[in-house]
Amino acid sequence: MPKMKTHSGAKKRFKVTANGKVRGRHAFSSHILEKKTPKRKRGFRKPMKVSDHDVPRIKKMLGVGK
């Protein structure tokens, strides 16, 4: 059986922490920024924890064990 390939798009967008949590970019952070408050935009800079529902799918794409 051939090995699974890592999903190139996911590899660029997500990181798995040492504890196995998945971190990604915030939504709503790339355009239409004028109407968003500075406080809200500063919050977008930090990586966010991905929803528990999406974690298994992302880990599968990254080839990381459960």
Protein backbone atom coordinates (compact mmCIF):
# COMPACT_ATOMS: atom_id res chain seq x y z
CA MET A 1 0.00 0.00 0.00
CA PRO A 2 1.46 3.44 -0.90
CA LYS A 3 1.94 6.10 1.74
CA MET A 4 -0.60 8.92 2.14
CA LYS A 5 0.57 12.26 0.81
CA THR A 6 0.36 15.37 2.98
CA HIS A 7 -2.24 17.87 1.74
CA SER A 8 -0.17 20.83 0.49
CA GLY A 9 -2.85 23.43 1.20
CA ALA A 10 -3.41 22.22 4.76
CA LYS A 11 0.32 22.06 5.43
CA LYS A 12 0.59 25.80 4.64
CA ARG A 13 -2.43 26.81 6.74
CA PHE A 14 -2.35 24.71 9.91
CA LYS A 15 0.16 23.74 12.60
CA VAL A 16 -0.21 20.97 15.17
CA THR A 17 1.06 21.87 18.64
CA ALA A 18 3.10 19.52 20.83
CA ASN A 19 -0.08 18.63 22.74
CA GLY A 20 -1.89 17.72 19.53
CA LYS A 21 -4.07 20.83 19.22
CA VAL A 22 -4.50 22.32 15.75
CA ARG A 23 -3.91 26.03 15.22
CA GLY A 24 -4.91 28.09 12.21
CA ARG A 25 -5.65 31.61 11.05
CA HIS A 26 -8.66 33.63 12.13
CA ALA A 27 -11.54 34.04 9.74
CA PHE A 28 -12.60 37.57 8.61
CA SER A 29 -9.04 38.92 8.85
CA SER A 30 -8.02 39.62 5.26
CA HIS A 31 -10.30 42.30 3.76
CA ILE A 32 -13.11 44.77 4.56
CA LEU A 33 -11.08 45.85 7.59
CA GLU A 34 -12.15 49.51 7.78
CA LYS A 35 -15.37 48.77 9.64
CA LYS A 36 -13.70 46.40 12.12
CA THR A 37 -12.40 47.83 15.37
CA PRO A 38 -8.63 47.99 16.00
CA LYS A 39 -9.05 45.74 19.05
CA ARG A 40 -10.78 43.11 16.92
CA LYS A 41 -8.11 43.32 14.19
CA ARG A 42 -5.32 42.90 16.76
CA GLY A 43 -7.02 39.73 17.94
CA PHE A 44 -6.93 38.33 14.40
CA ARG A 45 -3.11 38.36 14.44
CA LYS A 46 -2.86 35.56 16.98
CA PRO A 47 -3.42 32.01 15.75
CA MET A 48 -6.70 30.48 16.83
CA LYS A 49 -7.53 27.00 18.04
CA VAL A 50 -9.44 25.11 15.34
CA SER A 51 -12.89 23.77 16.20
CA ASP A 52 -12.91 20.27 17.73
CA HIS A 53 -15.25 19.16 14.96
CA ASP A 54 -12.66 19.94 12.24
CA VAL A 55 -9.56 18.61 14.02
CA PRO A 56 -9.75 14.94 12.88
CA ARG A 57 -10.15 15.97 9.23
CA ILE A 58 -7.22 18.41 9.36
CA LYS A 59 -4.98 15.90 11.14
CA LYS A 60 -5.79 13.32 8.47
CA MET A 61 -4.78 15.81 5.75
CA LEU A 62 -1.53 16.57 7.59
CA GLY A 63 -0.75 12.90 8.16
CA VAL A 64 -0.55 13.33 11.93
CA GLY A 65 -1.55 10.46 14.20
CA LYS A 66 -4.69 10.65 16.31
